[in-house]
N, C-alpha and C. Protein backbone atom coordinates (compact mmCIF):
# COMPACT_ATOMS: atom_id res chain seq x y z
N MET A 1 -6.57 38.22 39.21
CA MET A 1 -6.77 36.84 39.59
C MET A 1 -7.54 36.08 38.51
N MET A 2 -8.43 36.74 37.80
CA MET A 2 -9.21 36.08 36.77
C MET A 2 -8.33 35.65 35.59
N ALA A 3 -7.40 36.50 35.22
CA ALA A 3 -6.54 36.18 34.08
C ALA A 3 -5.72 34.93 34.39
N TYR A 4 -5.24 34.80 35.59
CA TYR A 4 -4.45 33.63 35.98
C TYR A 4 -5.31 32.37 35.93
N GLN A 5 -6.52 32.44 36.43
CA GLN A 5 -7.41 31.29 36.42
C GLN A 5 -7.76 30.88 35.00
N GLU A 6 -7.97 31.85 34.11
CA GLU A 6 -8.28 31.53 32.73
C GLU A 6 -7.09 30.85 32.06
N CYS A 7 -5.89 31.35 32.31
CA CYS A 7 -4.68 30.75 31.75
C CYS A 7 -4.52 29.33 32.25
N LYS A 8 -4.73 29.15 33.53
CA LYS A 8 -4.57 27.83 34.13
C LYS A 8 -5.59 26.86 33.54
N ALA A 9 -6.82 27.30 33.35
CA ALA A 9 -7.86 26.44 32.80
C ALA A 9 -7.53 26.07 31.36
N VAL A 10 -7.08 26.99 30.57
CA VAL A 10 -6.73 26.72 29.18
C VAL A 10 -5.53 25.77 29.14
N GLY A 11 -4.54 26.01 30.01
CA GLY A 11 -3.36 25.15 30.07
C GLY A 11 -3.72 23.73 30.48
N ALA A 12 -4.65 23.57 31.38
CA ALA A 12 -5.06 22.24 31.84
C ALA A 12 -5.73 21.47 30.71
N VAL A 13 -6.55 22.14 29.93
CA VAL A 13 -7.22 21.48 28.80
C VAL A 13 -6.18 21.07 27.75
N THR A 14 -5.21 21.93 27.51
CA THR A 14 -4.18 21.63 26.52
C THR A 14 -3.36 20.41 26.95
N LEU A 15 -2.98 20.35 28.22
CA LEU A 15 -2.21 19.21 28.71
C LEU A 15 -3.02 17.93 28.64
N ALA A 16 -4.29 18.02 29.01
CA ALA A 16 -5.15 16.83 28.97
C ALA A 16 -5.30 16.35 27.53
N ALA A 17 -5.44 17.27 26.60
CA ALA A 17 -5.59 16.88 25.20
C ALA A 17 -4.30 16.28 24.66
N GLN A 18 -3.16 16.75 25.13
CA GLN A 18 -1.89 16.22 24.66
C GLN A 18 -1.63 14.82 25.21
N LYS A 19 -2.08 14.53 26.40
CA LYS A 19 -1.84 13.22 27.01
C LYS A 19 -2.67 12.13 26.34
N ARG A 20 -3.86 12.48 25.88
CA ARG A 20 -4.73 11.50 25.24
C ARG A 20 -4.23 11.24 23.83
N PRO A 21 -4.09 9.97 23.43
CA PRO A 21 -3.65 9.70 22.06
C PRO A 21 -4.72 10.12 21.06
N ASN A 22 -4.28 10.75 20.03
CA ASN A 22 -5.19 11.18 18.98
C ASN A 22 -5.65 9.94 18.21
N GLU A 23 -6.94 9.80 18.00
CA GLU A 23 -7.45 8.60 17.31
C GLU A 23 -6.88 8.49 15.91
N LYS A 24 -6.75 9.61 15.23
CA LYS A 24 -6.22 9.59 13.87
C LYS A 24 -4.79 9.07 13.86
N THR A 25 -3.98 9.53 14.78
CA THR A 25 -2.59 9.08 14.87
C THR A 25 -2.53 7.61 15.26
N LEU A 26 -3.34 7.21 16.22
CA LEU A 26 -3.36 5.83 16.68
C LEU A 26 -3.71 4.89 15.53
N TYR A 27 -4.77 5.19 14.80
CA TYR A 27 -5.18 4.32 13.69
C TYR A 27 -4.19 4.36 12.54
N SER A 28 -3.60 5.51 12.28
CA SER A 28 -2.63 5.57 11.19
C SER A 28 -1.38 4.78 11.56
N ASP A 29 -0.98 4.78 12.84
CA ASP A 29 0.16 3.97 13.27
C ASP A 29 -0.15 2.49 13.12
N LEU A 30 -1.35 2.09 13.52
CA LEU A 30 -1.75 0.69 13.40
C LEU A 30 -1.83 0.27 11.94
N SER A 31 -2.38 1.12 11.10
CA SER A 31 -2.49 0.76 9.69
C SER A 31 -1.12 0.73 9.04
N ALA A 32 -0.22 1.61 9.46
CA ALA A 32 1.15 1.59 8.92
C ALA A 32 1.85 0.29 9.32
N ASP A 33 1.67 -0.12 10.57
CA ASP A 33 2.27 -1.38 11.03
C ASP A 33 1.66 -2.56 10.27
N GLY A 34 0.36 -2.54 10.08
CA GLY A 34 -0.30 -3.61 9.34
C GLY A 34 0.18 -3.67 7.90
N PHE A 35 0.37 -2.51 7.30
CA PHE A 35 0.86 -2.48 5.92
C PHE A 35 2.28 -3.02 5.84
N ASP A 36 3.13 -2.65 6.80
CA ASP A 36 4.51 -3.16 6.80
C ASP A 36 4.55 -4.67 6.93
N ILE A 37 3.73 -5.22 7.80
CA ILE A 37 3.67 -6.67 7.97
C ILE A 37 3.19 -7.32 6.68
N TRP A 38 2.12 -6.77 6.09
CA TRP A 38 1.60 -7.33 4.84
C TRP A 38 2.65 -7.25 3.74
N TRP A 39 3.35 -6.12 3.63
CA TRP A 39 4.34 -5.94 2.56
C TRP A 39 5.48 -6.94 2.71
N LYS A 40 6.00 -7.10 3.92
CA LYS A 40 7.11 -8.03 4.14
C LYS A 40 6.69 -9.46 3.84
N LYS A 41 5.48 -9.83 4.26
CA LYS A 41 4.98 -11.18 4.02
C LYS A 41 4.79 -11.40 2.52
N THR A 42 4.19 -10.46 1.83
CA THR A 42 3.95 -10.57 0.39
C THR A 42 5.27 -10.63 -0.36
N PHE A 43 6.23 -9.78 0.01
CA PHE A 43 7.53 -9.77 -0.65
C PHE A 43 8.24 -11.11 -0.47
N ALA A 44 8.17 -11.66 0.74
CA ALA A 44 8.81 -12.95 1.01
C ALA A 44 8.16 -14.06 0.19
N GLN A 45 6.82 -14.05 0.09
CA GLN A 45 6.13 -15.06 -0.71
C GLN A 45 6.51 -14.94 -2.18
N HIS A 46 6.58 -13.73 -2.69
CA HIS A 46 6.95 -13.52 -4.09
C HIS A 46 8.39 -13.96 -4.34
N ALA A 47 9.27 -13.70 -3.39
CA ALA A 47 10.67 -14.11 -3.54
C ALA A 47 10.77 -15.63 -3.63
N VAL A 48 9.97 -16.34 -2.84
CA VAL A 48 9.96 -17.81 -2.89
C VAL A 48 9.46 -18.29 -4.25
N VAL A 49 8.40 -17.69 -4.76
CA VAL A 49 7.86 -18.08 -6.06
C VAL A 49 8.88 -17.82 -7.17
N VAL A 50 9.56 -16.70 -7.12
CA VAL A 50 10.57 -16.39 -8.14
C VAL A 50 11.73 -17.38 -8.06
N ALA A 51 12.16 -17.73 -6.86
CA ALA A 51 13.24 -18.70 -6.71
C ALA A 51 12.83 -20.06 -7.25
N GLN A 52 11.60 -20.48 -6.97
CA GLN A 52 11.11 -21.77 -7.48
C GLN A 52 11.00 -21.74 -9.00
N ALA A 53 10.51 -20.67 -9.55
CA ALA A 53 10.39 -20.54 -11.00
C ALA A 53 11.76 -20.56 -11.65
N SER A 54 12.72 -19.91 -11.05
CA SER A 54 14.08 -19.89 -11.58
C SER A 54 14.67 -21.30 -11.59
N THR A 55 14.47 -22.02 -10.51
CA THR A 55 14.97 -23.40 -10.42
C THR A 55 14.31 -24.27 -11.48
N LEU A 56 13.00 -24.13 -11.65
CA LEU A 56 12.29 -24.92 -12.66
C LEU A 56 12.77 -24.57 -14.08
N MET A 57 12.98 -23.29 -14.35
CA MET A 57 13.44 -22.89 -15.68
C MET A 57 14.85 -23.43 -15.96
N ARG A 58 15.72 -23.39 -14.96
CA ARG A 58 17.06 -23.94 -15.15
C ARG A 58 16.99 -25.44 -15.42
N ALA A 59 16.16 -26.15 -14.66
CA ALA A 59 16.01 -27.59 -14.87
C ALA A 59 15.42 -27.87 -16.25
N TYR A 60 14.44 -27.09 -16.68
CA TYR A 60 13.82 -27.28 -17.99
C TYR A 60 14.84 -27.04 -19.11
N ARG A 61 15.63 -25.99 -18.97
CA ARG A 61 16.65 -25.70 -19.99
C ARG A 61 17.70 -26.80 -20.05
N ARG A 62 18.06 -27.33 -18.89
CA ARG A 62 19.04 -28.40 -18.84
C ARG A 62 18.50 -29.64 -19.54
N VAL A 63 17.27 -30.01 -19.24
CA VAL A 63 16.66 -31.19 -19.84
C VAL A 63 16.45 -30.98 -21.33
N SER A 64 15.96 -29.80 -21.72
CA SER A 64 15.69 -29.57 -23.13
C SER A 64 16.99 -29.49 -23.93
N SER A 65 18.06 -28.93 -23.34
CA SER A 65 19.33 -28.89 -24.08
C SER A 65 19.93 -30.29 -24.17
N ASP A 66 19.76 -31.12 -23.16
CA ASP A 66 20.23 -32.51 -23.23
C ASP A 66 19.46 -33.27 -24.30
N GLY A 67 18.16 -33.05 -24.37
CA GLY A 67 17.33 -33.71 -25.38
C GLY A 67 17.71 -33.29 -26.79
N GLU A 68 17.99 -32.03 -27.01
CA GLU A 68 18.38 -31.56 -28.33
C GLU A 68 19.74 -32.11 -28.73
N THR A 69 20.66 -32.24 -27.78
CA THR A 69 21.98 -32.79 -28.07
C THR A 69 21.85 -34.24 -28.50
N ARG A 70 21.04 -35.00 -27.81
CA ARG A 70 20.86 -36.42 -28.16
C ARG A 70 20.26 -36.56 -29.54
N ILE A 71 19.28 -35.71 -29.85
CA ILE A 71 18.66 -35.79 -31.18
C ILE A 71 19.69 -35.45 -32.24
N GLY A 72 20.50 -34.43 -31.97
CA GLY A 72 21.54 -34.05 -32.91
C GLY A 72 22.56 -35.15 -33.12
N GLN A 73 22.90 -35.88 -32.07
CA GLN A 73 23.88 -36.95 -32.17
C GLN A 73 23.30 -38.15 -32.89
N ALA A 74 22.01 -38.40 -32.77
CA ALA A 74 21.38 -39.56 -33.40
C ALA A 74 21.33 -39.42 -34.91
N ARG A 75 21.32 -38.23 -35.41
CA ARG A 75 21.22 -38.02 -36.85
C ARG A 75 22.46 -38.37 -37.50
């Protein structure tokens, strides 16, 4: 009878420990979610900056090539 009670007591502790979320896992899940949100937001912001820079560079090249053509024609 003692062996059964000891097994039952050990099993009960194991089940109770499994039901409780591990703090390490809980915090690592939260930090992983936070990192994913930060990464997506940062990537989106960088993509916008790159698109704006690309548009500005195209406009600058267009204006500068128009200016050089006019100077060439004036000579």
